[in-house]
Amino acid sequence: MAREKPAALQIETFADHHVITQPNPLRKVLRRVAEKDLDDPVARAEKALADLSGEFTNWMTIESDRLAAAHAAILKDGFTSVTREELFRAAHDIKGDAATFGFPSAGAAADSLCRIIEHAPNLAKVPAPLIAHHINAIQAIVRERTRLDTVSTANELSRQLRGIADEYLKHANRNRPEHLEAILAPSIVPGD
C-alpha cells in the first residue's frame, strides 16, 4: 500500500509576521463519536481496579511472605549484596503497592525499612530487632487488616517504627551530614 505524500506547509505572510500551518495527517483517521458513546478511561480503570480488589489481600500476603523470605535469607547468610537487594526490593514493592491495595500502614512501615536499608552506613551493625520489628509489623498489618480496631493500632505502630528508625539513622549517620539531610526529610509515602 503506497503512502500518500504529506501535504505541504501552508505559510500566510502578513506585514509583520508569518503564520505557518503544519499539515495534520491524523485528521484523516480521526473519527467523531456521538456524545452517548464517549469512553471514560478513568471510569473504566476504576471499575477494573474494583473488580480486582478481591485479590489485593492475596497479593499483599504474597509480598509480605517475600519480605519474610528475604529476611530469613539474611538471618541465614548475613547481609550480602544479593540479600540486601532482595530485602530492599521486597520492602520497596510493598511501599509502592500498599496504599493502592488498601494497606497504607504497611506502606509506611515498609518505607521506614527502606530508609534503614538506604541510609545505614553498615547494615550488619543495624540492630537485628529493628529490622525484625519492621517485618513483623508489615506481616501483622497485612494479616489483621480486616479488623476495624486494627487500623489505628497499625497507624500508631508504623509511626513509632519510623520514629525509632529515624533516631537510629540520625545516630548512625551523625558524622555523615549528606545522609542526615535525607534522613530528616519528610516522607513522601501516601497517607503519611
Protein backbone atom coordinates (compact mmCIF):
# COMPACT_ATOMS: atom_id res chain seq x y z
CA MET A 1 0.00 0.00 0.00
CA ALA A 2 1.57 3.28 -1.08
CA ARG A 3 1.69 6.10 1.40
CA GLU A 4 0.28 9.43 0.39
CA LYS A 5 2.66 12.32 0.24
CA PRO A 6 2.20 14.62 3.19
CA ALA A 7 0.58 17.94 2.43
CA ALA A 8 2.88 20.90 2.20
CA LEU A 9 3.21 23.55 4.87
CA GLN A 10 0.90 26.50 4.44
CA ILE A 11 2.54 29.85 5.01
CA GLU A 12 0.49 33.00 5.30
CA THR A 13 2.51 36.20 5.09
CA PHE A 14 1.50 39.36 6.85
CA ALA A 15 3.23 42.72 7.10
CA ASP A 16 4.88 41.97 10.44
CA HIS A 17 4.74 38.17 10.79
CA HIS A 18 4.18 34.81 9.15
CA VAL A 19 1.71 32.11 10.18
CA ILE A 20 2.89 28.60 9.42
CA THR A 21 0.27 25.87 9.47
CA GLN A 22 1.60 22.36 9.51
CA PRO A 23 -0.47 19.65 7.87
CA ASN A 24 -2.15 17.19 10.20
CA PRO A 25 -2.13 13.71 8.65
CA LEU A 26 -4.00 12.33 11.64
CA ARG A 27 -7.08 14.34 10.71
CA LYS A 28 -7.93 11.63 8.15
CA VAL A 29 -8.01 8.90 10.80
CA LEU A 30 -9.91 10.88 13.40
CA ARG A 31 -13.41 9.64 13.95
CA ARG A 32 -16.07 11.63 15.74
CA VAL A 33 -18.25 9.73 18.18
CA ALA A 34 -21.65 10.60 19.47
CA GLU A 35 -21.89 12.08 22.94
CA LYS A 36 -23.64 8.95 24.21
CA ASP A 37 -20.75 6.73 23.03
CA LEU A 38 -17.94 8.62 24.77
CA ASP A 39 -15.47 6.37 26.56
CA ASP A 40 -14.28 7.33 30.03
CA PRO A 41 -10.91 5.64 30.52
CA VAL A 42 -10.72 6.74 34.17
CA ALA A 43 -14.09 5.17 34.96
CA ARG A 44 -13.01 2.02 33.11
CA ALA A 45 -9.77 1.87 35.13
CA GLU A 46 -11.65 2.39 38.41
CA LYS A 47 -14.05 -0.41 37.52
CA ALA A 48 -11.15 -2.72 36.66
CA LEU A 49 -9.48 -1.85 39.97
CA ALA A 50 -12.72 -2.54 41.84
CA ASP A 51 -13.04 -5.88 40.04
CA LEU A 52 -9.50 -6.80 41.15
CA SER A 53 -9.86 -5.57 44.72
CA GLY A 54 -10.72 -9.05 45.97
CA GLU A 55 -7.21 -10.11 45.01
CA PHE A 56 -5.43 -7.29 46.86
CA THR A 57 -5.18 -9.13 50.16
CA ASN A 58 -3.69 -12.17 48.42
CA TRP A 59 -1.16 -10.01 46.59
CA MET A 60 -0.14 -8.24 49.77
CA THR A 61 0.18 -11.58 51.56
CA ILE A 62 2.49 -12.78 48.77
CA GLU A 63 4.58 -9.59 49.02
CA SER A 64 4.68 -9.89 52.81
CA ASP A 65 5.85 -13.50 52.53
CA ARG A 66 8.51 -12.43 50.04
CA LEU A 67 9.76 -9.87 52.56
CA ALA A 68 9.87 -12.51 55.30
CA ALA A 69 11.80 -14.87 52.99
CA ALA A 70 14.33 -12.12 52.21
CA HIS A 71 14.76 -11.54 55.95
CA ALA A 72 15.20 -15.27 56.57
CA ALA A 73 17.95 -15.35 53.93
CA ILE A 74 19.72 -12.51 55.76
CA LEU A 75 19.44 -14.33 59.07
CA LYS A 76 20.92 -17.42 57.42
CA ASP A 77 23.63 -15.88 55.19
CA GLY A 78 24.10 -12.38 56.59
CA PHE A 79 24.00 -9.18 54.56
CA THR A 80 25.39 -9.76 51.09
CA SER A 81 24.71 -7.64 48.04
CA VAL A 82 22.10 -10.20 46.91
CA THR A 83 20.29 -10.50 50.26
CA ARG A 84 20.37 -6.72 50.81
CA GLU A 85 18.96 -6.11 47.33
CA GLU A 86 16.15 -8.65 47.77
CA LEU A 87 15.18 -7.22 51.17
CA PHE A 88 15.15 -3.71 49.72
CA ARG A 89 13.13 -4.72 46.63
CA ALA A 90 10.55 -6.59 48.71
CA ALA A 91 10.14 -3.64 51.10
CA HIS A 92 10.10 -1.14 48.22
CA ASP A 93 7.41 -3.11 46.36
CA ILE A 94 5.25 -3.15 49.49
CA LYS A 95 5.84 0.56 49.96
CA GLY A 96 4.65 1.20 46.40
CA ASP A 97 1.68 -1.17 46.36
CA ALA A 98 0.33 -0.85 49.89
CA ALA A 99 -1.78 2.29 49.51
CA THR A 100 -3.33 1.06 46.25
CA PHE A 101 -4.12 -2.31 47.79
CA GLY A 102 -5.66 -0.76 50.93
CA PHE A 103 -2.74 -1.23 53.34
CA PRO A 104 -1.33 2.30 53.86
CA SER A 105 0.11 1.49 57.28
CA ALA A 106 2.09 -1.40 55.79
CA GLY A 107 3.41 1.08 53.21
CA ALA A 108 4.57 3.42 55.95
CA ALA A 109 6.37 0.60 57.78
CA ALA A 110 7.94 -0.58 54.50
CA ASP A 111 9.08 2.99 53.79
CA SER A 112 10.76 3.10 57.18
CA LEU A 113 12.54 -0.21 56.44
CA CYS A 114 13.66 1.09 53.02
CA ARG A 115 15.12 4.16 54.72
CA ILE A 116 17.13 1.97 57.09
CA ILE A 117 18.48 -0.10 54.18
CA GLU A 118 19.33 3.03 52.16
CA HIS A 119 20.87 5.15 54.88
CA ALA A 120 22.51 2.82 57.39
CA PRO A 121 26.27 3.11 56.99
CA ASN A 122 26.69 -0.61 57.74
CA LEU A 123 23.65 -2.87 57.61
CA ALA A 124 25.42 -5.55 59.60
CA LYS A 125 25.52 -3.13 62.54
CA VAL A 126 21.82 -2.30 62.43
CA PRO A 127 20.20 -3.87 65.48
CA ALA A 128 18.57 -7.09 64.26
CA PRO A 129 15.37 -6.43 66.25
CA LEU A 130 14.88 -3.11 64.42
CA ILE A 131 14.65 -4.88 61.06
CA ALA A 132 12.66 -7.78 62.52
CA HIS A 133 10.12 -5.41 64.10
CA HIS A 134 9.52 -3.73 60.74
CA ILE A 135 8.96 -7.06 59.01
CA ASN A 136 6.73 -8.39 61.80
CA ALA A 137 4.71 -5.16 61.74
CA ILE A 138 4.16 -5.38 57.98
CA GLN A 139 3.07 -9.00 58.27
CA ALA A 140 0.71 -8.22 61.15
CA ILE A 141 -0.82 -5.25 59.32
CA VAL A 142 -1.46 -7.39 56.23
CA ARG A 143 -2.79 -10.32 58.28
CA GLU A 144 -5.05 -8.27 60.61
CA ARG A 145 -6.28 -5.63 58.15
CA THR A 146 -9.87 -6.86 58.13
CA ARG A 147 -10.49 -5.97 61.78
CA LEU A 148 -11.71 -2.39 62.24
CA ASP A 149 -9.93 -1.88 65.57
CA THR A 150 -6.54 -2.60 63.99
CA VAL A 151 -6.39 0.49 61.74
CA SER A 152 -5.43 2.96 64.47
CA THR A 153 -3.07 0.44 66.05
CA ALA A 154 -1.37 -0.18 62.70
CA ASN A 155 -1.01 3.56 62.08
CA GLU A 156 0.50 4.10 65.51
CA LEU A 157 2.83 1.12 65.10
CA SER A 158 4.08 2.42 61.75
CA ARG A 159 4.55 5.91 63.19
CA GLN A 160 6.57 4.61 66.14
CA LEU A 161 8.71 2.36 63.94
CA ARG A 162 9.51 5.33 61.74
CA GLY A 163 10.48 7.39 64.81
CA ILE A 164 12.77 4.67 66.15
CA ALA A 165 14.32 4.11 62.71
CA ASP A 166 14.93 7.84 62.29
CA GLU A 167 16.57 8.08 65.70
CA TYR A 168 18.84 5.16 64.87
CA LEU A 169 19.73 6.63 61.47
CA LYS A 170 20.44 10.07 62.96
CA HIS A 171 22.82 8.48 65.44
CA ALA A 172 24.45 6.14 62.90
CA ASN A 173 24.96 8.99 60.42
CA ARG A 174 25.99 11.70 62.86
CA ASN A 175 29.34 12.04 61.01
CA ARG A 176 27.75 11.96 57.53
CA PRO A 177 25.87 15.25 57.03
CA GLU A 178 24.86 14.43 53.44
CA HIS A 179 22.82 11.50 54.77
CA LEU A 180 21.35 13.44 57.67
CA GLU A 181 19.62 15.80 55.25
CA ALA A 182 17.88 12.89 53.50
CA ILE A 183 17.02 11.25 56.81
CA LEU A 184 15.43 14.39 58.21
CA ALA A 185 13.35 14.99 55.05
CA PRO A 186 9.63 14.25 55.39
CA SER A 187 8.28 11.02 53.97
CA ILE A 188 6.57 11.01 50.59
CA VAL A 189 4.58 7.84 51.26
CA PRO A 190 0.83 8.38 50.71
CA GLY A 191 -1.11 8.74 53.92
CA ASP A 192 1.96 9.52 55.95
